[in-house]
Protein backbone atom coordinates (compact mmCIF):
# COMPACT_ATOMS: atom_id res chain seq x y z
CA MET A 1 29.03 1.67 -8.48
CA PRO A 2 26.36 -1.10 -8.86
CA ASP A 3 23.88 -0.28 -11.66
CA ASN A 4 21.19 -1.30 -12.06
CA ARG A 5 19.27 -4.77 -14.36
CA LYS A 6 16.54 -5.40 -16.24
CA PHE A 7 14.38 -8.73 -17.05
CA ILE A 8 12.04 -10.27 -18.75
CA VAL A 9 9.58 -12.26 -16.83
CA SER A 10 8.12 -14.81 -20.37
CA LEU A 11 4.74 -15.75 -18.80
CA ALA A 12 2.23 -19.36 -19.13
CA ASP A 13 -0.01 -17.30 -21.89
CA ARG A 14 3.11 -15.36 -23.47
CA LEU A 15 2.39 -12.98 -22.10
CA HIS A 16 6.68 -11.29 -21.00
CA VAL A 17 6.22 -8.38 -18.36
CA GLU A 18 9.40 -6.62 -16.92
CA ALA A 19 11.12 -6.34 -13.56
CA VAL A 20 14.21 -4.02 -12.79
CA TRP A 21 16.81 -5.42 -9.42
CA TYR A 22 18.41 -1.58 -8.99
CA GLY A 23 21.67 -1.34 -7.52
CA SER A 24 20.58 0.39 -4.50
CA GLY A 25 19.29 -3.53 -3.18
CA THR A 26 15.08 -3.24 -4.48
CA LEU A 27 14.16 -5.19 -6.74
CA CYS A 28 10.67 -2.97 -8.65
CA LEU A 29 8.27 -5.75 -9.36
CA SER A 30 4.93 -5.65 -11.73
CA SER A 31 2.05 -6.06 -10.28
CA GLN A 32 0.27 -6.12 -13.55
CA ALA A 33 0.29 -7.24 -17.69
CA GLY A 34 -0.18 -4.14 -19.17
CA CYS A 35 -2.23 -0.93 -17.55
CA ALA A 36 -5.36 0.38 -17.36
CA LEU A 37 -4.93 4.18 -16.80
CA SER A 38 -3.21 5.31 -19.88
CA CYS A 39 -1.48 7.63 -18.89
CA PRO A 40 0.17 9.20 -21.31
CA PHE A 41 3.54 9.03 -20.70
CA CYS A 42 4.69 5.86 -19.42
CA ALA A 43 5.26 3.16 -21.76
CA SER A 44 3.38 0.12 -18.96
CA GLY A 45 0.20 0.50 -20.54
CA ARG A 46 0.84 1.32 -24.36
CA ARG A 47 -1.46 -2.08 -25.37
CA GLY A 48 -3.55 -2.16 -22.14
CA LEU A 49 -4.10 -4.24 -19.42
CA GLN A 50 -4.03 -7.98 -19.88
CA ARG A 51 -4.51 -9.27 -16.69
CA ASN A 52 -3.58 -10.38 -12.61
CA LEU A 53 -1.17 -11.17 -12.36
CA THR A 54 -1.50 -14.56 -9.93
CA THR A 55 0.60 -14.06 -6.58
CA GLU A 56 3.16 -17.37 -8.37
CA GLU A 57 3.60 -14.68 -10.83
CA LEU A 58 4.62 -12.06 -8.59
CA HIS A 59 6.93 -14.45 -6.49
CA LEU A 60 8.64 -16.24 -10.49
CA GLN A 61 9.34 -12.35 -10.86
CA LEU A 62 11.78 -12.21 -7.18
CA ALA A 63 13.03 -16.10 -8.38
CA VAL A 64 14.55 -15.01 -11.75
CA CYS A 65 16.50 -12.40 -10.05
CA ARG A 66 17.61 -14.54 -7.31
CA ARG A 67 18.74 -17.46 -10.29
CA GLU A 68 20.76 -14.68 -10.94
CA GLY A 69 22.81 -14.57 -7.99
CA ILE A 70 21.75 -11.61 -6.61
CA GLU A 71 19.76 -10.89 -2.83
CA PRO A 72 16.80 -8.28 -3.22
CA GLN A 73 17.34 -6.22 -0.49
CA ARG A 74 13.27 -4.74 -0.11
CA LEU A 75 10.87 -5.06 -3.16
CA THR A 76 8.29 -2.10 -4.02
CA LEU A 77 5.49 -2.94 -6.63
CA SER A 78 5.81 -0.13 -8.55
CA GLY A 79 6.94 -1.43 -11.96
CA ILE A 80 3.59 -2.20 -14.62
CA GLY A 81 -0.01 -1.61 -13.71
CA GLU A 82 -1.88 0.03 -10.76
CA PRO A 83 -1.44 -2.47 -7.37
CA LEU A 84 -4.54 -1.87 -6.05
CA GLN A 85 -6.21 -3.41 -8.95
CA ASN A 86 -4.77 -7.21 -7.81
CA LEU A 87 -5.48 -6.09 -4.48
CA ASP A 88 -5.93 -10.09 -3.94
CA ASN A 89 -2.81 -11.57 -5.03
CA LEU A 90 -0.92 -8.49 -3.86
CA GLU A 91 -2.32 -9.39 -0.09
CA GLN A 92 -0.46 -13.01 0.04
CA PHE A 93 2.14 -12.16 -1.70
CA MET A 94 2.66 -9.33 0.91
CA ALA A 95 2.23 -11.94 3.57
CA ASP A 96 4.95 -14.62 2.20
CA CYS A 97 7.17 -11.84 2.32
CA ARG A 98 6.64 -10.69 5.66
CA ARG A 99 7.86 -14.15 6.68
CA GLN A 100 10.95 -13.96 4.91
CA ASP A 101 11.39 -10.19 6.55
CA LEU A 102 11.64 -9.32 3.32
CA PRO A 103 9.84 -5.76 3.40
CA VAL A 104 7.35 -4.79 0.77
CA SER A 105 6.50 -1.25 -1.06
CA LEU A 106 4.52 -0.20 -3.39
CA THR A 107 3.61 2.11 -6.34
CA THR A 108 -0.20 3.63 -6.60
CA THR A 109 -2.88 6.44 -7.76
CA GLY A 110 -5.09 5.34 -5.42
CA ALA A 111 -7.44 3.74 -7.91
CA PRO A 112 -10.31 2.45 -6.71
CA LEU A 113 -10.59 4.96 -3.79
CA ALA A 114 -12.49 2.50 -2.21
CA HIS A 115 -9.58 -0.68 -1.60
CA LEU A 116 -7.12 2.52 0.28
CA VAL A 117 -8.90 1.26 3.55
CA ARG A 118 -7.28 -2.52 3.36
CA LEU A 119 -4.12 -1.25 1.62
CA LEU A 120 -3.07 0.54 4.22
CA ALA A 121 -3.82 -1.96 6.71
CA LEU A 122 -1.71 -4.44 4.66
CA PRO A 123 2.50 -4.92 6.35
CA HIS A 124 3.37 -2.72 3.95
CA ASN A 125 7.21 -0.97 3.74
CA GLY A 126 5.91 2.62 2.18
CA ILE A 127 3.70 3.21 -0.08
CA MET A 128 3.61 5.71 -2.63
CA PHE A 129 1.03 8.17 -4.18
CA SER A 130 1.82 8.94 -7.22
CA VAL A 131 0.14 12.09 -8.40
CA HIS A 132 2.16 14.45 -10.67
CA ALA A 133 0.33 17.60 -10.77
CA GLY A 134 -0.83 20.33 -8.41
CA SER A 135 -4.32 21.31 -10.61
CA ASP A 136 -7.06 19.33 -11.34
CA ALA A 137 -6.94 20.49 -15.44
CA VAL A 138 -2.34 18.80 -15.60
CA TYR A 139 -3.81 16.18 -13.16
CA ARG A 140 -6.83 15.44 -16.26
CA GLN A 141 -3.50 15.15 -18.56
CA LEU A 142 -1.38 12.91 -17.56
CA LEU A 143 -3.37 10.74 -15.42
CA PRO A 144 -6.63 10.51 -17.48
CA LYS A 145 -7.98 7.41 -15.36
CA GLY A 146 -6.70 8.67 -11.99
CA PRO A 147 -9.40 8.62 -9.08
CA GLY A 148 -8.72 12.50 -8.81
CA LEU A 149 -6.42 14.54 -7.10
CA VAL A 150 -9.77 15.62 -4.85
CA PRO A 151 -11.31 12.64 -4.28
CA LEU A 152 -7.60 10.96 -3.28
CA ARG A 153 -6.95 14.14 -1.18
CA GLN A 154 -10.58 13.86 1.08
CA ARG A 155 -10.27 10.63 0.97
CA LEU A 156 -6.70 10.24 2.31
CA ALA A 157 -7.39 12.98 4.40
CA ALA A 158 -10.60 11.17 6.36
CA LEU A 159 -7.74 8.56 7.07
CA TRP A 160 -4.82 11.07 8.24
CA PRO A 161 -6.27 11.05 11.27
CA ARG A 162 -6.49 6.89 12.14
CA LEU A 163 -2.83 6.64 11.31
CA SER A 164 -0.02 6.74 13.87
CA GLY A 165 3.57 8.49 13.40
CA ARG A 166 5.24 6.14 12.61
CA GLN A 167 1.96 4.69 9.72
CA ARG A 168 1.84 8.54 8.32
CA ARG A 169 5.68 9.06 8.06
CA LYS A 170 5.67 6.04 5.95
CA LEU A 171 2.99 8.18 2.76
CA GLY A 172 4.49 9.72 0.09
CA VAL A 173 3.91 11.76 -2.80
CA ASN A 174 5.83 10.99 -6.61
CA TYR A 175 5.65 13.25 -8.72
CA LEU A 176 7.18 13.35 -12.02
CA LEU A 177 8.37 15.97 -13.28
CA LEU A 178 8.26 16.45 -16.88
CA ALA A 179 9.43 20.05 -18.75
CA GLY A 180 6.68 22.49 -18.96
CA VAL A 181 3.62 21.04 -18.02
CA ASN A 182 4.06 19.94 -13.92
CA ASP A 183 7.05 22.65 -12.77
CA LEU A 184 5.82 25.17 -13.79
CA PRO A 185 5.35 27.90 -10.21
CA ALA A 186 1.62 27.97 -10.46
CA GLU A 187 1.53 24.86 -11.10
CA LEU A 188 4.17 23.41 -7.63
CA ALA A 189 1.61 25.90 -5.95
CA ALA A 190 -0.81 24.32 -6.01
CA LEU A 191 0.89 21.15 -4.97
CA VAL A 192 2.43 22.51 -1.67
CA ASP A 193 -1.14 23.83 -1.38
CA TRP A 194 -2.52 19.73 -1.79
CA LEU A 195 0.31 18.26 0.44
CA GLN A 196 -1.10 20.91 3.22
CA PRO A 197 -3.31 17.73 5.31
CA PHE A 198 -0.35 16.05 4.87
CA PRO A 199 2.88 17.27 6.57
CA GLU A 200 4.39 13.69 7.93
CA MET A 201 4.02 12.78 3.76
CA THR A 202 8.04 12.59 2.35
CA LEU A 203 7.40 13.99 -1.47
CA HIS A 204 9.85 12.10 -4.30
CA LEU A 205 11.09 14.39 -7.57
CA LEU A 206 11.14 12.05 -10.35
CA SER A 207 13.02 12.26 -12.91
CA CYS A 208 11.63 11.50 -16.49
CA ASN A 209 13.64 8.89 -18.80
CA PRO A 210 13.10 8.45 -22.28
CA VAL A 211 10.28 6.57 -23.86
CA PRO A 212 9.08 5.98 -28.03
CA GLY A 213 7.02 8.11 -28.61
CA SER A 214 6.82 10.69 -25.62
CA ILE A 215 6.85 14.17 -26.41
CA TYR A 216 7.79 14.18 -22.50
CA HIS A 217 10.71 14.97 -20.69
CA SER A 218 12.14 16.11 -17.72
CA PRO A 219 13.51 19.86 -17.13
CA THR A 220 17.75 20.86 -16.70
CA ALA A 221 19.50 19.61 -13.66
CA LEU A 222 19.31 23.77 -12.94
CA GLN A 223 15.19 23.78 -12.63
CA THR A 224 15.13 20.56 -10.56
CA ASP A 225 17.58 21.63 -8.91
CA ARG A 226 14.83 25.09 -8.56
CA VAL A 227 12.51 23.07 -8.40
CA HIS A 228 13.99 21.35 -5.02
CA GLY A 229 14.35 25.61 -3.90
CA PHE A 230 10.64 25.98 -3.94
CA PHE A 231 8.97 22.85 -2.26
CA ARG A 232 12.55 23.63 0.18
CA GLN A 233 11.64 26.80 0.85
CA ARG A 234 7.97 26.38 2.09
CA GLY A 235 8.78 23.72 4.49
CA ILE A 236 7.60 20.28 1.97
CA ASN A 237 9.79 17.51 3.29
CA VAL A 238 11.60 16.77 -0.56
CA ARG A 239 13.80 14.19 -2.34
CA ARG A 240 15.49 14.36 -5.56
CA ALA A 241 15.80 10.74 -7.57
CA ASN A 242 18.85 8.69 -6.71
CA HIS A 243 21.53 7.64 -9.28
CA TRP A 244 19.53 4.59 -9.92
CA ARG A 245 15.94 6.42 -10.86
CA ARG A 246 17.79 8.28 -13.08
CA GLN A 247 19.22 5.63 -15.82
CA GLN A 248 17.62 4.91 -17.92
CA GLU A 249 17.52 0.40 -18.06
CA GLY A 250 14.51 0.59 -15.60
CA GLY A 251 13.54 3.99 -15.57
CA CYS A 252 10.36 5.07 -14.90
CA GLY A 253 8.11 4.00 -17.31
CA THR A 254 10.27 2.54 -19.47
CA LEU A 255 8.48 -0.43 -17.82
CA VAL A 256 6.77 -2.29 -21.23
CA LEU A 257 4.29 -5.31 -21.56
CA GLY A 258 5.16 -8.20 -24.28
CA GLY A 259 4.64 -11.06 -25.97
CA GLU A 260 3.58 -13.17 -28.37
CA ALA A 261 -0.19 -12.50 -28.35
CA ILE A 262 0.40 -9.35 -28.72
CA GLY A 263 3.36 -8.49 -30.86
CA ASN A 264 6.91 -7.83 -29.55
CA THR A 265 8.97 -5.77 -27.10
CA ALA A 266 10.35 -2.76 -28.54
CA GLY A 267 14.17 -1.25 -27.05
CA SER A 268 16.79 -3.65 -24.92
CA GLN A 269 16.72 -6.98 -24.94
CA PRO A 270 17.32 -8.74 -21.55
CA GLN A 271 17.20 -11.77 -20.72
CA VAL A 272 13.97 -13.11 -20.54
CA PHE A 273 13.08 -15.44 -18.11
CA ARG A 274 10.05 -18.53 -18.56
CA SER A 275 7.57 -19.79 -16.18
CA ASP A 276 7.13 -22.89 -18.72
């Protein structure tokens, strides 16, 4: 079974972003240099947001993967950044990929909510909404600059009747399990209530890979099984993280922004590819 492979991609202004090829055939791309959302469990936003990536820089991440002899079967914009905040460049990139018959999915908090209609109309292969909480209190702890649980649910519920069954099945929720924070029965029950208007959505239980300096970690495998069973018993279409998502190399929340302008990136040292 092939392992993941992480790439550091050097940009013309000496910033570095990271992309990850998963052994399953998916290439995970970054959409921004840094991130403004400040989620405490995630390393990607620790230096804040520097700027959006251009369409050319989105293509560059794909090019460096191909340069190494790897041809991705699909792409996901789930790396550094909030894709919805870079929608103009994202739209052009996805149109280019469609002409190559290369499916593109993405992960978003839904912020800004005003862009959701436009996002849903793009030729995507799936949209995952990062929720990570069932109650507003835990949501504000984990996604302090997200759109909020209630506003996101209201906006999606308003758009739901306009979507076909096929479109609805391509939407899902990402839930990063964090021990003692969002894996408690009351929090899980609140998420079940939140999901009620969206029966076609799939709930993805993700594992938290270690991030230096973070207090957060995932529950044990046994507890994760119990959480999975909790949702199944309540009729939720739920999936656990696959082998590649659980690997440290490229695990959720571990991708970082680097570069001479803001200091060197700590941690593993994958090969660096330059655009200049």
